[in-house]
Protein backbone atom coordinates (compact mmCIF):
# COMPACT_ATOMS: atom_id res chain seq x y z
CA MET A 1 0.02 0.01 0.00
CA ASN A 2 1.37 3.40 -0.94
CA THR A 3 1.85 5.92 1.85
CA HIS A 4 2.09 9.65 1.62
CA SER A 5 4.77 11.64 3.42
CA SER A 6 3.93 14.65 5.58
CA PHE A 7 6.25 16.64 3.32
CA ASN A 8 4.61 15.62 -0.02
CA LYS A 9 4.78 18.70 -2.19
CA GLU A 10 1.23 18.46 -3.35
CA ILE A 11 -0.08 18.07 0.23
CA MET A 12 2.05 20.95 1.45
CA GLY A 13 1.00 23.28 -1.37
CA THR A 14 -2.68 22.54 -0.75
CA ALA A 15 -2.14 23.05 3.01
CA VAL A 16 -0.73 26.49 2.52
CA ARG A 17 -3.77 27.52 0.51
CA ASP A 18 -6.21 25.90 2.98
CA ALA A 19 -4.46 27.59 5.91
CA CYS A 20 -5.41 30.95 4.44
CA ARG A 21 -8.98 29.81 3.63
CA LYS A 22 -9.38 28.70 7.27
CA LEU A 23 -9.09 32.31 8.38
CA ASP A 24 -12.81 32.51 7.64
CA PRO A 25 -14.44 33.29 11.07
CA ARG A 26 -17.00 30.49 10.48
CA THR A 27 -14.13 27.99 10.23
CA GLN A 28 -12.32 29.42 13.32
CA LEU A 29 -15.49 28.91 15.32
CA ARG A 30 -14.96 25.16 15.14
CA ASN A 31 -12.06 25.44 17.55
CA PRO A 32 -12.94 27.59 20.62
CA ILE A 33 -9.35 28.02 21.78
CA MET A 34 -8.03 29.08 18.40
CA PHE A 35 -11.05 31.32 17.91
CA ILE A 36 -10.03 33.23 21.02
CA VAL A 37 -6.46 33.57 19.63
CA TYR A 38 -7.96 34.69 16.37
CA ILE A 39 -10.03 37.41 18.06
CA GLY A 40 -6.98 38.46 20.02
CA ALA A 41 -4.98 38.77 16.81
CA ILE A 42 -7.69 41.01 15.34
CA ILE A 43 -7.84 43.25 18.41
CA THR A 44 -4.04 43.63 18.63
CA THR A 45 -3.92 44.38 14.95
CA TRP A 46 -6.44 47.24 15.51
CA PHE A 47 -4.28 48.62 18.38
CA THR A 48 -1.15 48.39 16.21
CA VAL A 49 -2.78 50.29 13.33
CA ARG A 50 -4.20 52.87 15.79
CA ASP A 51 -0.79 53.42 17.37
CA PHE A 52 0.81 53.65 13.95
CA VAL A 53 -1.58 56.46 12.92
CA GLN A 54 -1.51 58.33 16.17
CA VAL A 55 2.32 58.30 16.51
CA VAL A 56 2.91 59.24 12.85
CA GLY A 57 4.18 55.90 11.55
CA GLN A 58 5.84 54.72 14.76
CA PRO A 59 3.73 51.81 16.13
CA ALA A 60 4.35 50.44 19.59
CA PHE A 61 6.83 47.59 19.00
CA PHE A 62 5.45 45.55 21.88
CA THR A 63 1.97 45.56 20.39
CA LEU A 64 3.39 44.84 17.00
CA GLN A 65 5.30 41.80 18.30
CA ILE A 66 2.21 40.45 20.09
CA THR A 67 0.19 40.88 16.92
CA LEU A 68 2.72 39.05 14.77
CA TRP A 69 2.98 36.17 17.22
CA LEU A 70 -0.79 35.78 17.42
CA TRP A 71 -1.28 35.73 13.67
CA PHE A 72 1.69 33.32 13.38
CA THR A 73 -0.06 30.99 15.92
CA VAL A 74 -3.36 31.09 14.02
CA LEU A 75 -1.79 30.48 10.66
CA PHE A 76 0.46 27.66 11.97
CA ALA A 77 -2.47 25.94 13.64
CA ASN A 78 -4.51 26.23 10.35
CA PHE A 79 -1.54 24.92 8.41
CA ALA A 80 -1.03 21.94 10.71
CA GLU A 81 -4.69 21.06 10.52
CA ALA A 82 -4.70 21.36 6.76
CA VAL A 83 -1.63 19.05 6.51
CA ALA A 84 -3.38 16.46 8.66
CA GLU A 85 -6.51 16.64 6.53
CA GLY A 86 -4.44 16.33 3.32
CA ARG A 87 -2.63 13.24 4.70
CA GLY A 88 -5.97 11.72 5.76
CA LYS A 89 -7.47 12.29 2.33
CA ALA A 90 -4.38 10.74 0.61
CA GLN A 91 -4.52 7.75 3.01
CA ALA A 92 -8.24 7.25 2.24
CA ASN A 93 -7.50 7.36 -1.47
CA ALA A 94 -4.70 4.84 -1.10
CA LEU A 95 -6.93 2.54 0.86
CA ARG A 96 -9.73 2.82 -1.64
CA SER A 97 -7.29 2.14 -4.53
CA THR A 98 -5.99 -0.94 -2.80
CA ARG A 99 -9.46 -2.27 -2.30
CA SER A 100 -10.68 -1.54 -5.89
CA GLN A 101 -7.56 -2.94 -7.63
CA THR A 102 -7.25 -6.19 -5.64
CA LYS A 103 -8.25 -9.39 -7.51
CA ALA A 104 -9.46 -12.56 -5.85
CA LYS A 105 -9.31 -16.26 -6.82
CA LYS A 106 -12.76 -17.35 -5.86
CA VAL A 107 -13.11 -21.07 -5.33
CA VAL A 108 -16.35 -22.60 -6.69
CA SER A 109 -16.80 -26.40 -6.90
CA GLY A 110 -13.05 -26.89 -6.70
CA ARG A 111 -12.23 -24.49 -9.47
CA THR A 112 -10.84 -20.94 -9.13
CA THR A 113 -12.28 -17.93 -10.92
CA LEU A 114 -10.63 -14.51 -10.96
CA VAL A 115 -12.99 -11.80 -9.72
CA ASP A 116 -12.75 -8.34 -8.31
CA ALA A 117 -12.36 -8.25 -4.53
CA VAL A 118 -15.35 -5.86 -4.25
CA GLU A 119 -17.61 -8.67 -5.68
CA LEU A 120 -16.89 -10.99 -2.78
CA ARG A 121 -19.66 -11.71 -0.28
CA LYS A 122 -19.75 -13.26 3.21
CA GLY A 123 -19.27 -17.05 2.90
CA ASP A 124 -17.30 -17.00 -0.32
CA VAL A 125 -14.05 -19.03 -0.36
CA VAL A 126 -10.89 -17.65 -1.97
CA LEU A 127 -7.41 -18.97 -2.61
CA VAL A 128 -4.54 -16.61 -1.89
CA GLU A 129 -1.00 -17.57 -2.96
CA VAL A 130 2.44 -16.14 -2.31
CA GLY A 131 2.82 -12.45 -3.31
CA GLU A 132 -0.93 -11.84 -3.51
CA PHE A 133 -3.05 -9.49 -1.43
CA ILE A 134 -5.75 -10.92 0.73
CA PRO A 135 -8.93 -9.64 -0.88
CA GLY A 136 -11.13 -9.35 2.23
CA ASP A 137 -11.53 -10.08 5.93
CA GLY A 138 -11.89 -13.78 6.65
CA GLU A 139 -10.97 -16.97 8.42
CA ILE A 140 -8.35 -19.37 7.08
CA ILE A 141 -9.98 -22.79 6.45
CA GLU A 142 -6.97 -24.49 4.87
CA GLY A 143 -3.23 -23.90 4.74
CA MET A 144 -0.71 -21.80 6.58
CA ALA A 145 1.23 -18.73 5.38
CA SER A 146 3.48 -15.86 6.50
CA VAL A 147 1.49 -12.61 6.16
CA ASP A 148 2.72 -9.04 5.91
CA GLU A 149 0.26 -6.98 7.96
CA SER A 150 2.27 -3.71 7.92
CA ALA A 151 -0.38 -1.99 5.80
CA VAL A 152 -2.91 -2.17 8.66
CA THR A 153 -0.79 -2.59 11.80
CA GLY A 154 2.33 -0.65 10.96
CA GLU A 155 4.46 -3.60 12.17
CA SER A 156 7.22 -4.52 9.71
CA ALA A 157 7.61 -8.10 11.01
CA SER A 158 5.46 -10.69 9.26
CA VAL A 159 3.14 -13.02 11.19
CA ILE A 160 2.13 -16.63 10.75
CA ARG A 161 -1.53 -17.28 10.01
CA GLU A 162 -3.00 -20.75 9.83
CA SER A 163 -6.36 -22.56 9.97
CA GLY A 164 -7.76 -23.35 13.35
CA GLY A 165 -6.99 -21.64 16.68
CA ASP A 166 -6.66 -17.92 17.33
CA LYS A 167 -4.32 -17.32 14.35
CA SER A 168 -6.82 -17.99 11.64
CA SER A 169 -8.26 -14.46 11.18
CA VAL A 170 -6.85 -12.38 8.30
CA THR A 171 -7.49 -8.83 7.17
CA GLY A 172 -8.13 -7.60 3.66
CA GLY A 173 -5.32 -5.52 2.20
CA THR A 174 -2.54 -7.62 3.85
CA ARG A 175 -0.22 -9.71 1.70
CA VAL A 176 0.83 -13.35 1.68
CA LEU A 177 4.63 -13.74 1.72
CA SER A 178 4.93 -17.49 1.61
CA ASP A 179 2.93 -20.62 0.82
CA TRP A 180 -0.86 -20.37 0.31
CA ILE A 181 -4.10 -20.27 2.21
CA LYS A 182 -7.79 -20.74 1.55
CA ILE A 183 -10.00 -18.18 3.24
CA ARG A 184 -13.70 -17.98 3.97
CA ILE A 185 -14.84 -14.38 3.65
CA THR A 186 -16.57 -13.08 6.83
CA ALA A 187 -17.52 -9.51 5.83
CA ASN A 188 -19.63 -8.06 2.99
CA PRO A 189 -18.50 -5.00 1.05
CA GLY A 190 -18.75 -1.91 3.20
CA GLU A 191 -18.17 -3.91 6.35
CA THR A 192 -14.49 -4.79 6.02
CA PHE A 193 -11.58 -3.40 8.05
CA LEU A 194 -10.49 -1.33 5.05
CA ASP A 195 -13.91 0.11 4.68
CA ARG A 196 -14.02 1.09 8.34
CA MET A 197 -10.63 2.70 8.04
CA ILE A 198 -11.74 4.76 5.04
CA SER A 199 -14.89 5.81 6.90
CA LEU A 200 -12.85 6.83 9.97
CA VAL A 201 -10.39 8.90 7.93
CA GLU A 202 -13.04 10.61 5.82
CA GLY A 203 -15.42 11.05 8.81
CA ALA A 204 -12.80 12.83 10.98
CA LYS A 205 -13.33 16.05 9.16
CA ARG A 206 -17.15 15.77 8.95
CA LYS A 207 -17.41 15.22 12.75
CA LYS A 208 -16.14 18.73 13.36
CA ARG A 209 -18.95 21.18 14.17
CA PRO A 210 -18.82 24.95 14.60
CA MET A 211 -19.02 26.19 18.18
CA LYS A 212 -22.51 27.28 19.06
CA LEU A 213 -22.66 30.76 20.38
CA PRO A 214 -25.23 31.51 23.17
């Protein structure tokens, strides 16, 4: 599975633009603490401009410094949030791509048929051989294999999965490194671990709500 660095140029460029768009007061209302900093930045800016006019182009440097620091804090917070959102979107796209591009060897009456992973349903049996991605969440019913689960757990070390016992569960999107296994699918499309991860990533932004003023 492809990952996206925090310093990806496309993500960083988009984050800079989004950081400026987030200066909209309606967006700032979503974070009460940063909204207070935002209001403070506006107030100190007004004082700085007032002092500049009243003292003939010589603003109070203390007020100017406070103003600059407050605006820096607001913009940096917006930028950090925009980077996180960009990474989340990239991760969701990568997960969706993995799910849609994965093929499965569906076993029917002893014969295997190549189908798209998204066509699998609960109860289907699939054969996964060395080098192939596991097409969906399931239970191993035959065979034993070394599985790379780094895509979902972050752990680089492979694990052994085999039929029977507490090591028979496998997750869609992981990859078989050795041997082969037959798997009975246990989740329908939309209910798999990858689907839940995509929903969590995409839902993080939607869960944010503006602060309600009294």
